[in-house]
Amino acid sequence: MKLSSPRRRGTRAAAVTAGIASIALLASCSVANSESEGGGEGGAGDTLRVVLTQEPPTLEACDANLTSTGVVVRSTVTEPLVERNPSTGELEPLLATKWEQTGDTEWTFTVRDDVTFQDGTPFDAEAAAYSIDRAVNGDLGCNVEGYIFGDDDLEVEATDATTLTVTTPSPDPILPLKLSFIEIVSPETSNTEFVREPVGTGPYAIGEWQAGTKLTLERNDDYWGDAPQFADVEYQWRSEGTVRAAMITSGEADIALGLSAEDGIGDLGVSYPNNETIALRFSGQTAPLDDIRIRQAINYAIDREGIVSSLYPDGDKVAAQLIPEGIVGFNADLEPWEYDPEKAKALVEEAAADGVAVDTKILMPVRTAQFPKVSELGEVLREQLAAAGLNVELRMVDTTQHLQYQLSPFVTNEGPISMLIQHGNQAGDAQFTVEQYMLTGGAQAEFGDPALDELITTARTLTGDERQAAYEEVFAYERENVVALAPIAHQTVMLGLADRVTYEPNSSTGDELRIKEVSLAG
């Protein structure tokens, strides 16, 4: 079987809307009934109860790199060919048992021969080829396509039942890492529309999704790997951190994500560093944000130290770039922007004197419950930018609305936009950051700079020390010449963990909570 499709770019906004039209994104501020089935301390041990910050907007597997989707889907309902160990950064076998580069642009994978999908369909190289083609070459507008592969199509061929070859347009030294972001789905899955409930090979299958209320997973008794401990997983969602914390302390939930110490979690809170960085991302075609002086002014206007010390004192670090230390390409020589409100004002006044429409309203979309104290952060940013002489409107939006601003094609009829983003580089390599936020035409890039494009395209082909140095240069050039972003902080997060369960969080926990790694204590 050989799959090689021409580029067919669908409209991302339409694809997202179609994929989630039937899902009611409702939030509840009340604590769940402790007498409910599987709830309460001493409840049924065969159900793991997880409370999320928000309801997933979709469970479509090719959008599983979206945090709110991947936290349920990745490596739990569906699985990739290879899996990145978040602690070591090493790639480990999963549905593929081995892989090697067999040509300048060709990689060959050997896949397992003892796996079936949850619908009973056998997994083989042909099924793997179908999922890759669907996610990368198709017209669905999958998020993984823009995030990982950009404009590149792949040629995939199943040469026999267990052998898969993948050919890239140009040499790609990290293709196996990229493929770790493609979740494999049953070949019975539609390749013309998003699916609400994917069928994968993972240890759990989707049981029931009561939109706005809860989502349950059921253990896959035919799972090819070690059987997970819990028979069922029940997800609920609460936007208030104090409510999520209370569900842990009252015994109504086993794991709660997105907490802070101030939510009242006490000794049941576990802090851990993740790979997320928060920043403002600017649109660049409309005044006043099309003037670099205004973008520089915003960076000088932000009191990063004050934000971290007052809102996130439990481990967050002031950021100078969009990736944290430990990611390939991190530039240790870059210093965070200095907090200089007078310089910010002076730059705004200088631009105004040159005729830049600095009074134009700048919209700042902020996603509700995206991370702790996000609304407070939005208000602080609005006030600091206003102090520099800019007119900023803070707009709290839900996940669906936020995606319309976040992903190409971008909203263009609401004037200049400075949106608050939370970017996680789960792959551990700067390519996944710069190609979506800095490369002309990137899925989340609203700027274009030919010299920066050249630096990025050169860096992607390199390995080792040369790769590290090339991406360091990319971040330095963007900081000096483009200023498409205002990095704010590298985050440390907290989850709530009930006494009855054992789990060791890692840098990927917020993006893919692997239920197979959770067990009953004792």
Protein backbone atom coordinates (compact mmCIF):
# COMPACT_ATOMS: atom_id res chain seq x y z
CA MET A 1 0.00 0.00 0.00
CA LYS A 2 1.41 3.37 -0.98
CA LEU A 3 -0.11 6.60 0.21
CA SER A 4 1.08 9.92 -1.12
CA SER A 5 -1.43 12.71 -1.34
CA PRO A 6 -1.06 16.19 -2.81
CA ARG A 7 -1.34 19.09 -0.40
CA ARG A 8 -4.95 19.84 0.44
CA ARG A 9 -5.27 22.63 2.97
CA GLY A 10 -8.69 22.89 4.58
CA THR A 11 -9.92 25.87 6.52
CA ARG A 12 -8.80 25.39 10.10
CA ALA A 13 -11.60 27.44 11.61
CA ALA A 14 -14.22 25.41 9.76
CA ALA A 15 -12.57 22.16 10.70
CA VAL A 16 -12.52 23.04 14.38
CA THR A 17 -16.13 24.15 14.27
CA ALA A 18 -17.24 20.99 12.52
CA GLY A 19 -15.31 18.81 14.90
CA ILE A 20 -16.85 20.26 18.04
CA ALA A 21 -20.22 21.56 16.97
CA SER A 22 -22.07 18.91 18.93
CA ILE A 23 -20.13 19.40 22.14
CA ALA A 24 -21.61 21.71 24.77
CA LEU A 25 -18.78 23.33 26.69
CA LEU A 26 -20.46 23.80 30.05
CA ALA A 27 -18.75 24.58 33.33
CA SER A 28 -19.88 23.80 36.85
CA CYS A 29 -18.77 25.56 40.01
CA SER A 30 -20.27 23.06 42.45
CA VAL A 31 -18.42 20.15 43.98
CA ALA A 32 -19.54 16.76 42.69
CA ASN A 33 -21.89 14.68 44.81
CA SER A 34 -19.71 12.61 47.16
CA GLU A 35 -22.34 9.86 47.20
CA SER A 36 -22.20 9.34 43.44
CA GLU A 37 -21.12 6.06 41.95
CA GLY A 38 -17.36 5.56 42.27
CA GLY A 39 -17.04 8.76 44.33
CA GLY A 40 -16.22 9.43 47.93
CA GLU A 41 -13.36 8.16 50.05
CA GLY A 42 -13.49 4.42 50.14
CA GLY A 43 -15.36 4.31 46.81
CA ALA A 44 -14.90 1.65 44.18
CA GLY A 45 -11.19 1.06 43.70
CA ASP A 46 -11.61 0.03 40.09
CA THR A 47 -12.55 3.55 38.93
CA LEU A 48 -9.96 6.29 38.68
CA ARG A 49 -11.50 9.74 39.02
CA VAL A 50 -9.77 12.67 37.30
CA VAL A 51 -10.86 16.30 37.39
CA LEU A 52 -9.62 18.54 34.57
CA THR A 53 -9.58 22.31 34.20
CA GLN A 54 -11.90 22.18 31.20
CA GLU A 55 -13.85 19.81 29.01
CA PRO A 56 -11.92 18.60 25.96
CA PRO A 57 -13.12 20.52 22.89
CA THR A 58 -12.61 17.37 20.82
CA LEU A 59 -11.12 13.89 21.18
CA GLU A 60 -10.04 13.81 17.53
CA ALA A 61 -6.69 12.01 17.62
CA CYS A 62 -4.99 14.20 15.02
CA ASP A 63 -5.59 17.15 17.37
CA ALA A 64 -4.16 15.30 20.38
CA ASN A 65 -1.22 17.68 20.68
CA LEU A 66 -3.76 20.25 21.92
CA THR A 67 -3.36 20.07 25.69
CA SER A 68 -7.06 19.80 26.49
CA THR A 69 -7.43 16.86 24.07
CA GLY A 70 -4.10 15.12 24.55
CA VAL A 71 -4.49 14.92 28.32
CA VAL A 72 -7.25 12.34 27.73
CA VAL A 73 -6.29 10.77 24.40
CA ARG A 74 -2.51 10.47 24.07
CA SER A 75 -1.06 7.07 25.01
CA THR A 76 -4.32 6.21 26.78
CA VAL A 77 -6.96 5.85 24.05
CA THR A 78 -4.57 6.01 21.12
CA GLU A 79 -0.84 5.40 20.77
CA PRO A 80 1.96 6.54 18.43
CA LEU A 81 4.59 4.41 16.75
CA VAL A 82 7.27 5.65 19.15
CA GLU A 83 6.94 7.39 22.49
CA ARG A 84 9.21 10.05 23.96
CA ASN A 85 10.27 9.46 27.54
CA PRO A 86 9.55 12.86 29.16
CA SER A 87 12.21 12.33 31.83
CA THR A 88 15.13 11.29 29.63
CA GLY A 89 14.07 12.69 26.27
CA GLU A 90 14.83 9.35 24.65
CA LEU A 91 12.53 7.75 22.09
CA GLU A 92 11.17 4.37 23.13
CA PRO A 93 9.41 1.64 21.11
CA LEU A 94 5.65 1.46 21.25
CA LEU A 95 3.67 0.34 18.19
CA ALA A 96 6.97 0.27 16.33
CA THR A 97 9.68 -2.02 17.68
CA LYS A 98 12.61 -0.46 15.81
CA TRP A 99 13.45 2.17 13.22
CA GLU A 100 16.42 3.27 11.16
CA GLN A 101 17.34 5.79 8.50
CA THR A 102 17.65 3.82 5.26
CA GLY A 103 18.32 6.73 2.89
CA ASP A 104 18.92 10.45 2.84
CA THR A 105 15.18 11.08 2.97
CA GLU A 106 13.88 7.63 3.98
CA TRP A 107 13.20 6.01 7.34
CA THR A 108 12.07 2.41 7.82
CA PHE A 109 9.99 1.26 10.79
CA THR A 110 9.22 -2.27 11.96
CA VAL A 111 5.79 -2.42 13.62
CA ARG A 112 4.27 -4.89 16.05
CA ASP A 113 2.39 -7.92 14.79
CA ASP A 114 0.36 -8.64 17.95
CA VAL A 115 -1.88 -5.56 18.20
CA THR A 116 -5.53 -4.97 17.39
CA PHE A 117 -7.58 -1.80 17.50
CA GLN A 118 -10.40 -1.46 19.99
CA ASP A 119 -12.89 -2.20 17.19
CA GLY A 120 -11.17 -5.54 16.47
CA THR A 121 -9.37 -4.38 13.33
CA PRO A 122 -5.78 -5.67 13.15
CA PHE A 123 -2.98 -3.16 13.45
CA ASP A 124 -0.27 -3.44 10.82
CA ALA A 125 2.00 -1.27 8.70
CA GLU A 126 -0.86 -0.43 6.36
CA ALA A 127 -2.92 0.89 9.28
CA ALA A 128 0.03 2.98 10.44
CA ALA A 129 0.43 4.39 6.92
CA TYR A 130 -3.27 5.31 6.85
CA SER A 131 -3.04 7.32 10.09
CA ILE A 132 0.05 9.20 8.99
CA ASP A 133 -1.47 10.04 5.63
CA ARG A 134 -4.74 11.12 7.27
CA ALA A 135 -3.03 13.44 9.74
CA VAL A 136 -0.29 14.93 7.57
CA ASN A 137 -1.35 14.74 3.93
CA GLY A 138 -5.13 15.01 4.22
CA ASP A 139 -7.52 17.93 4.10
CA LEU A 140 -8.81 17.76 7.68
CA GLY A 141 -6.70 20.66 8.94
CA CYS A 142 -5.28 18.57 11.78
CA ASN A 143 -3.47 20.56 14.43
CA VAL A 144 -0.56 18.10 14.37
CA GLU A 145 -0.05 18.91 10.69
CA GLY A 146 0.74 22.57 11.27
CA TYR A 147 2.40 22.07 14.64
CA ILE A 148 4.80 19.33 13.59
CA PHE A 149 5.07 19.10 9.82
CA GLY A 150 4.17 22.53 8.45
CA ASP A 151 3.90 22.44 4.67
CA ASP A 152 5.73 19.14 4.30
CA ASP A 153 3.88 16.09 3.00
CA LEU A 154 5.15 12.57 3.63
CA GLU A 155 5.18 9.57 1.36
CA VAL A 156 4.27 6.48 3.37
CA GLU A 157 4.41 2.91 2.13
CA ALA A 158 3.62 -0.41 3.78
CA THR A 159 6.02 -2.80 2.04
CA ASP A 160 4.70 -5.73 4.06
CA ALA A 161 2.58 -6.30 7.17
CA THR A 162 5.28 -5.18 9.60
CA THR A 163 7.45 -2.83 7.51
CA LEU A 164 6.69 0.84 6.95
CA THR A 165 8.80 3.31 5.00
CA VAL A 166 8.39 7.05 5.34
CA THR A 167 9.96 9.40 2.83
CA THR A 168 10.38 13.11 3.47
CA PRO A 169 10.76 15.90 0.89
CA SER A 170 14.23 16.72 2.28
CA PRO A 171 16.50 15.07 4.85
CA ASP A 172 14.87 15.12 8.27
CA PRO A 173 17.12 13.92 11.11
CA ILE A 174 14.31 13.96 13.70
CA LEU A 175 11.47 12.29 11.77
CA PRO A 176 10.93 9.54 14.41
CA LEU A 177 10.48 12.26 17.04
CA LYS A 178 7.93 13.99 14.81
CA LEU A 179 6.02 10.76 14.29
CA SER A 180 5.71 10.39 18.07
CA PHE A 181 3.05 13.10 17.80
CA ILE A 182 0.84 11.13 15.39
CA GLU A 183 -1.66 8.98 17.24
CA ILE A 184 -2.55 5.84 15.31
CA VAL A 185 -6.27 5.27 14.72
CA SER A 186 -8.26 2.44 13.17
CA PRO A 187 -8.20 2.45 9.35
CA GLU A 188 -12.00 2.47 9.59
CA THR A 189 -11.71 6.10 10.77
CA SER A 190 -13.05 8.71 8.35
CA ASN A 191 -10.40 10.65 6.44
CA THR A 192 -12.86 13.33 5.32
CA GLU A 193 -14.13 14.59 8.69
CA PHE A 194 -13.12 14.77 12.33
CA VAL A 195 -14.37 12.02 14.63
CA ARG A 196 -15.71 12.68 18.09
CA GLU A 197 -14.61 9.40 19.66
CA PRO A 198 -11.45 7.89 18.13
CA VAL A 199 -10.70 4.16 18.05
CA GLY A 200 -7.09 3.38 18.90
CA THR A 201 -4.84 0.65 20.25
CA GLY A 202 -4.44 2.10 23.75
CA PRO A 203 -5.14 0.54 27.16
CA TYR A 204 -8.52 2.34 27.37
CA ALA A 205 -11.41 2.80 24.97
CA ILE A 206 -13.95 5.61 25.13
CA GLY A 207 -16.99 4.49 27.09
CA GLU A 208 -19.47 7.35 27.33
CA TRP A 209 -19.15 11.08 26.81
CA GLN A 210 -21.93 13.08 28.44
CA ALA A 211 -21.17 16.49 26.97
CA GLY A 212 -20.91 19.12 29.68
CA THR A 213 -20.95 16.55 32.48
CA LYS A 214 -18.38 13.77 32.34
CA LEU A 215 -16.37 11.45 30.13
CA THR A 216 -15.64 7.81 30.90
CA LEU A 217 -13.07 5.39 29.54
CA GLU A 218 -13.22 1.61 29.82
CA ARG A 219 -10.27 -0.72 30.10
CA ASN A 220 -9.36 -2.41 26.82
CA ASP A 221 -9.23 -6.08 27.82
CA ASP A 222 -7.52 -6.95 24.55
CA TYR A 223 -4.71 -4.45 25.08
CA TRP A 224 -1.41 -5.77 23.75
CA GLY A 225 0.68 -4.37 26.63
CA ASP A 226 0.55 -4.67 30.40
CA ALA A 227 -3.00 -4.28 31.66
CA PRO A 228 -3.64 -0.99 33.49
CA GLN A 229 -4.83 -1.28 37.09
CA PHE A 230 -8.14 0.58 36.86
CA ALA A 231 -11.17 -0.87 35.08
CA ASP A 232 -12.60 2.59 34.33
CA VAL A 233 -11.55 6.21 34.23
CA GLU A 234 -14.02 9.01 34.88
CA TYR A 235 -13.14 12.56 33.86
CA GLN A 236 -14.98 15.60 35.12
CA TRP A 237 -14.02 19.25 34.75
CA ARG A 238 -14.25 22.27 36.99
CA SER A 239 -12.92 25.69 36.03
CA GLU A 240 -12.20 26.83 39.61
CA GLY A 241 -8.97 25.58 41.14
CA THR A 242 -10.45 25.70 44.64
CA VAL A 243 -13.23 23.37 43.52
CA ARG A 244 -10.80 20.91 41.95
CA ALA A 245 -8.72 20.95 45.12
CA ALA A 246 -11.80 20.38 47.28
CA MET A 247 -12.70 17.31 45.22
CA ILE A 248 -9.33 15.83 46.16
CA THR A 249 -9.39 16.73 49.83
CA SER A 250 -12.99 15.47 50.21
CA GLY A 251 -12.22 12.17 48.48
CA GLU A 252 -14.36 12.86 45.42
CA ALA A 253 -11.48 12.73 42.92
CA ASP A 254 -8.12 10.99 42.71
CA ILE A 255 -6.19 13.35 40.44
CA ALA A 256 -6.78 17.07 39.82
CA LEU A 257 -4.78 19.07 37.29
CA GLY A 258 -3.88 22.74 37.10
CA LEU A 259 -3.73 23.62 40.80
CA SER A 260 -1.80 26.15 42.84
CA ALA A 261 -0.88 26.09 46.52
CA GLU A 262 -3.47 28.80 47.18
CA ASP A 263 -6.30 26.52 46.01
CA GLY A 264 -6.25 24.77 49.40
CA ILE A 265 -4.81 21.44 48.28
CA GLY A 266 -2.44 21.26 51.27
CA ASP A 267 -0.24 18.17 51.59
CA LEU A 268 -2.06 16.48 48.71
CA GLY A 269 -0.50 18.90 46.21
CA VAL A 270 2.48 17.77 44.14
CA SER A 271 4.54 20.44 42.36
CA TYR A 272 6.48 19.64 39.20
CA PRO A 273 8.12 21.60 36.38
CA ASN A 274 6.40 21.32 33.03
CA ASN A 275 7.54 22.48 29.61
CA GLU A 276 5.02 25.32 29.27
CA THR A 277 5.92 28.95 28.68
CA ILE A 278 3.39 31.77 28.80
CA ALA A 279 3.77 34.72 26.45
CA LEU A 280 1.94 37.34 24.44
CA ARG A 281 1.85 36.71 20.69
CA PHE A 282 1.33 39.71 18.42
CA SER A 283 -0.47 40.12 15.14
CA GLY A 284 1.72 42.03 12.74
CA GLN A 285 -0.38 43.42 9.93
CA THR A 286 -2.39 46.10 11.74
CA ALA A 287 -1.36 49.29 13.52
CA PRO A 288 -0.07 49.79 16.07
CA LEU A 289 1.35 46.25 16.41
CA ASP A 290 2.82 46.40 12.91
CA ASP A 291 5.41 48.83 14.31
CA ILE A 292 8.33 47.10 16.06
CA ARG A 293 8.62 49.95 18.54
CA ILE A 294 5.17 49.10 19.93
CA ARG A 295 6.08 45.45 20.26
CA GLN A 296 9.27 46.44 22.03
CA ALA A 297 7.31 48.80 24.25
CA ILE A 298 5.01 45.99 25.33
CA ASN A 299 8.02 43.90 26.31
CA TYR A 300 9.47 46.75 28.37
CA ALA A 301 6.06 47.40 29.95
CA ILE A 302 5.68 43.90 31.42
CA ASP A 303 6.92 43.46 34.99
CA ARG A 304 7.86 39.79 34.71
CA GLU A 305 9.56 39.59 38.10
CA GLY A 306 6.53 41.16 39.74
CA ILE A 307 4.15 38.76 37.97
CA VAL A 308 6.13 35.70 39.01
CA SER A 309 6.64 36.83 42.61
CA SER A 310 3.02 37.83 43.16
CA LEU A 311 1.06 35.31 41.09
CA TYR A 312 3.38 32.32 40.61
CA PRO A 313 5.95 32.27 43.44
CA ASP A 314 6.17 28.49 43.73
CA GLY A 315 8.72 27.77 41.02
CA ASP A 316 7.90 29.77 37.88
CA LYS A 317 10.88 31.45 36.21
CA VAL A 318 11.01 34.68 34.24
CA ALA A 319 11.35 33.83 30.53
CA ALA A 320 13.58 35.35 27.87
CA GLN A 321 12.42 33.02 25.08
CA LEU A 322 9.59 30.65 24.24
CA ILE A 323 11.37 27.47 25.36
CA PRO A 324 12.80 26.60 28.78
CA GLU A 325 16.24 25.28 29.60
CA GLY A 326 16.63 21.65 28.60
CA ILE A 327 15.08 22.05 25.16
CA VAL A 328 17.48 21.72 22.21
CA GLY A 329 18.14 25.25 20.98
CA PHE A 330 17.64 27.08 24.29
CA ASN A 331 19.82 30.21 24.21
CA ALA A 332 21.34 30.71 27.65
CA ASP A 333 22.83 34.06 26.62
CA LEU A 334 19.45 35.74 26.17
CA GLU A 335 18.35 37.84 29.13
CA PRO A 336 14.70 38.58 29.92
CA TRP A 337 13.44 41.95 28.75
CA GLU A 338 14.11 44.64 31.33
CA TYR A 339 11.08 46.09 33.09
CA ASP A 340 11.32 49.76 32.09
CA PRO A 341 7.90 51.47 32.02
CA GLU A 342 9.44 54.83 31.13
CA LYS A 343 11.19 53.37 28.09
CA ALA A 344 7.91 51.69 27.10
CA LYS A 345 6.10 55.04 27.26
CA ALA A 346 8.84 56.75 25.30
CA LEU A 347 8.64 54.20 22.49
CA VAL A 348 4.87 54.58 22.28
CA GLU A 349 5.19 58.36 22.18
CA GLU A 350 7.89 58.15 19.51
CA ALA A 351 5.69 55.94 17.35
CA ALA A 352 2.74 58.29 17.87
CA ALA A 353 4.83 61.24 16.78
CA ASP A 354 5.55 59.38 13.54
CA GLY A 355 1.84 58.92 12.87
CA VAL A 356 1.36 55.39 14.23
CA ALA A 357 -2.23 54.94 15.46
CA VAL A 358 -1.23 54.05 19.03
CA ASP A 359 -4.77 54.76 20.31
CA THR A 360 -6.21 51.87 18.29
CA LYS A 361 -7.75 49.25 20.54
CA ILE A 362 -5.60 46.14 20.93
CA LEU A 363 -7.60 43.00 21.71
CA MET A 364 -6.10 40.60 24.27
CA PRO A 365 -7.87 37.20 24.19
CA VAL A 366 -7.23 35.10 27.31
CA ARG A 367 -8.51 31.56 27.71
CA THR A 368 -10.59 30.95 30.81
CA ALA A 369 -9.11 28.36 33.20
CA GLN A 370 -6.15 27.67 30.92
CA PHE A 371 -3.84 27.68 33.95
CA PRO A 372 -4.06 28.98 37.55
CA LYS A 373 -4.73 32.70 37.98
CA VAL A 374 -4.92 33.25 34.24
CA SER A 375 -7.65 35.88 34.55
CA GLU A 376 -5.64 37.77 37.16
CA LEU A 377 -2.62 37.63 34.87
CA GLY A 378 -4.69 39.00 32.00
CA GLU A 379 -5.81 41.94 34.09
CA VAL A 380 -2.25 42.69 35.24
CA LEU A 381 -1.02 42.66 31.64
CA ARG A 382 -3.86 44.93 30.53
CA GLU A 383 -3.00 47.43 33.25
CA GLN A 384 0.73 47.41 32.50
CA LEU A 385 0.19 47.94 28.78
CA ALA A 386 -2.31 50.70 29.51
CA ALA A 387 0.31 52.39 31.70
CA ALA A 388 2.57 52.50 28.64
CA GLY A 389 -0.10 54.43 26.74
CA LEU A 390 -1.77 51.58 24.84
CA ASN A 391 -5.50 50.88 24.56
CA VAL A 392 -6.01 47.21 25.46
CA GLU A 393 -9.27 45.27 25.76
CA LEU A 394 -9.05 42.08 27.83
CA ARG A 395 -11.44 39.41 26.54
CA MET A 396 -11.92 36.12 28.41
CA VAL A 397 -12.83 33.34 25.97
CA ASP A 398 -13.50 29.59 26.07
CA THR A 399 -11.31 26.98 24.40
CA THR A 400 -13.21 26.96 21.12
CA GLN A 401 -13.04 30.74 20.75
CA HIS A 402 -9.39 30.80 21.75
CA LEU A 403 -8.48 28.38 18.97
CA GLN A 404 -9.95 30.77 16.42
CA TYR A 405 -7.42 33.39 17.51
CA GLN A 406 -4.58 30.95 18.07
CA LEU A 407 -4.39 28.99 14.82
CA SER A 408 -4.12 29.89 11.14
CA PRO A 409 -6.19 31.18 9.40
CA PHE A 410 -6.20 33.95 11.98
CA VAL A 411 -8.98 36.34 12.94
CA THR A 412 -8.42 39.46 10.84
CA ASN A 413 -11.57 41.53 11.36
CA GLU A 414 -11.02 42.58 14.99
CA GLY A 415 -8.00 44.83 14.58
CA PRO A 416 -4.63 44.30 16.25
CA ILE A 417 -4.43 41.30 18.59
CA SER A 418 -2.02 40.54 21.42
CA MET A 419 -3.13 37.14 22.67
CA LEU A 420 -1.98 35.31 25.77
CA ILE A 421 -0.58 31.90 24.82
CA GLN A 422 0.70 28.92 26.76
CA HIS A 423 3.23 27.02 24.66
CA GLY A 424 4.59 23.61 25.58
CA ASN A 425 7.42 22.01 23.67
CA GLN A 426 6.73 18.36 24.50
CA ALA A 427 9.21 17.17 21.89
CA GLY A 428 12.27 18.74 23.46
CA ASP A 429 13.52 20.37 20.24
CA ALA A 430 13.29 24.03 19.20
CA GLN A 431 12.14 23.13 15.69
CA PHE A 432 8.63 22.50 16.99
CA THR A 433 8.51 25.97 18.52
CA VAL A 434 10.12 28.16 15.89
CA GLU A 435 8.42 26.59 12.89
CA GLN A 436 4.97 27.23 14.27
CA TYR A 437 5.57 30.66 15.86
CA MET A 438 8.34 32.26 13.79
CA LEU A 439 8.48 30.72 10.31
CA THR A 440 6.51 32.55 7.62
CA GLY A 441 3.24 30.68 7.18
CA GLY A 442 3.60 28.74 10.45
CA ALA A 443 0.43 27.50 12.13
CA GLN A 444 0.76 30.15 14.85
CA ALA A 445 3.03 32.68 13.11
CA GLU A 446 1.59 36.07 12.22
CA PHE A 447 4.91 37.53 11.07
CA GLY A 448 7.31 36.76 8.25
CA ASP A 449 10.98 37.63 7.95
CA PRO A 450 13.05 36.22 5.05
CA ALA A 451 16.34 36.21 6.98
CA LEU A 452 14.71 34.46 9.93
CA ASP A 453 13.11 31.93 7.58
CA GLU A 454 16.54 31.11 6.17
CA LEU A 455 17.99 30.55 9.63
CA ILE A 456 15.09 28.25 10.56
CA THR A 457 15.20 26.16 7.38
CA THR A 458 18.95 25.70 7.76
CA ALA A 459 18.68 24.67 11.42
CA ARG A 460 16.13 21.92 10.77
CA THR A 461 18.62 19.81 8.76
CA LEU A 462 21.45 19.92 11.33
CA THR A 463 22.30 17.62 14.20
CA GLY A 464 24.28 17.77 17.45
CA ASP A 465 26.17 20.93 18.39
CA GLU A 466 25.49 22.52 15.01
CA ARG A 467 21.76 22.16 15.56
CA GLN A 468 21.99 23.66 19.04
CA ALA A 469 23.99 26.65 17.82
CA ALA A 470 21.70 27.25 14.84
CA TYR A 471 18.57 27.43 16.97
CA GLU A 472 20.30 29.67 19.49
CA GLU A 473 20.92 32.05 16.59
CA VAL A 474 17.24 31.83 15.57
CA PHE A 475 16.09 33.00 19.01
CA ALA A 476 18.69 35.77 19.13
CA TYR A 477 17.75 37.07 15.67
CA GLU A 478 14.01 37.01 16.40
CA ARG A 479 14.54 38.92 19.65
CA GLU A 480 16.59 41.63 17.95
CA ASN A 481 14.86 42.01 14.60
CA VAL A 482 11.27 40.71 14.72
CA VAL A 483 9.80 40.75 18.26
CA ALA A 484 6.74 38.68 17.40
CA LEU A 485 6.34 37.66 21.04
CA ALA A 486 6.64 38.82 24.61
CA PRO A 487 7.81 35.82 26.67
CA ILE A 488 6.66 36.08 30.29
CA ALA A 489 7.40 32.98 32.39
CA HIS A 490 8.35 29.32 32.31
CA GLN A 491 5.77 27.53 34.42
CA THR A 492 5.82 25.13 37.31
CA VAL A 493 2.50 23.46 37.97
CA MET A 494 0.81 21.41 40.67
CA LEU A 495 -1.58 18.51 40.66
CA GLY A 496 -3.68 17.11 43.45
CA LEU A 497 -3.14 13.45 44.26
CA ALA A 498 -5.40 11.49 46.61
CA ASP A 499 -3.78 9.23 49.19
CA ARG A 500 -5.26 6.13 47.60
CA VAL A 501 -3.35 6.46 44.31
CA THR A 502 0.30 6.64 43.29
CA TYR A 503 1.57 8.64 40.33
CA GLU A 504 4.83 10.45 39.54
CA PRO A 505 4.13 13.57 37.43
CA ASN A 506 6.58 14.62 34.74
CA SER A 507 7.01 17.47 32.27
CA SER A 508 4.37 15.99 29.93
CA THR A 509 1.68 15.28 32.54
CA GLY A 510 -0.45 18.29 31.63
CA ASP A 511 -0.39 17.30 27.96
CA GLU A 512 -0.74 13.52 28.22
CA LEU A 513 -1.76 12.05 31.55
CA ARG A 514 -0.80 8.41 30.98
CA ILE A 515 -3.35 6.47 33.00
CA LYS A 516 -1.36 3.24 32.63
CA GLU A 517 1.24 4.84 34.93
CA VAL A 518 -1.28 5.42 37.76
CA SER A 519 -1.80 2.73 40.41
CA LEU A 520 -3.48 2.22 43.77
CA ALA A 521 -1.27 3.06 46.72
CA GLY A 522 -0.02 0.23 48.83
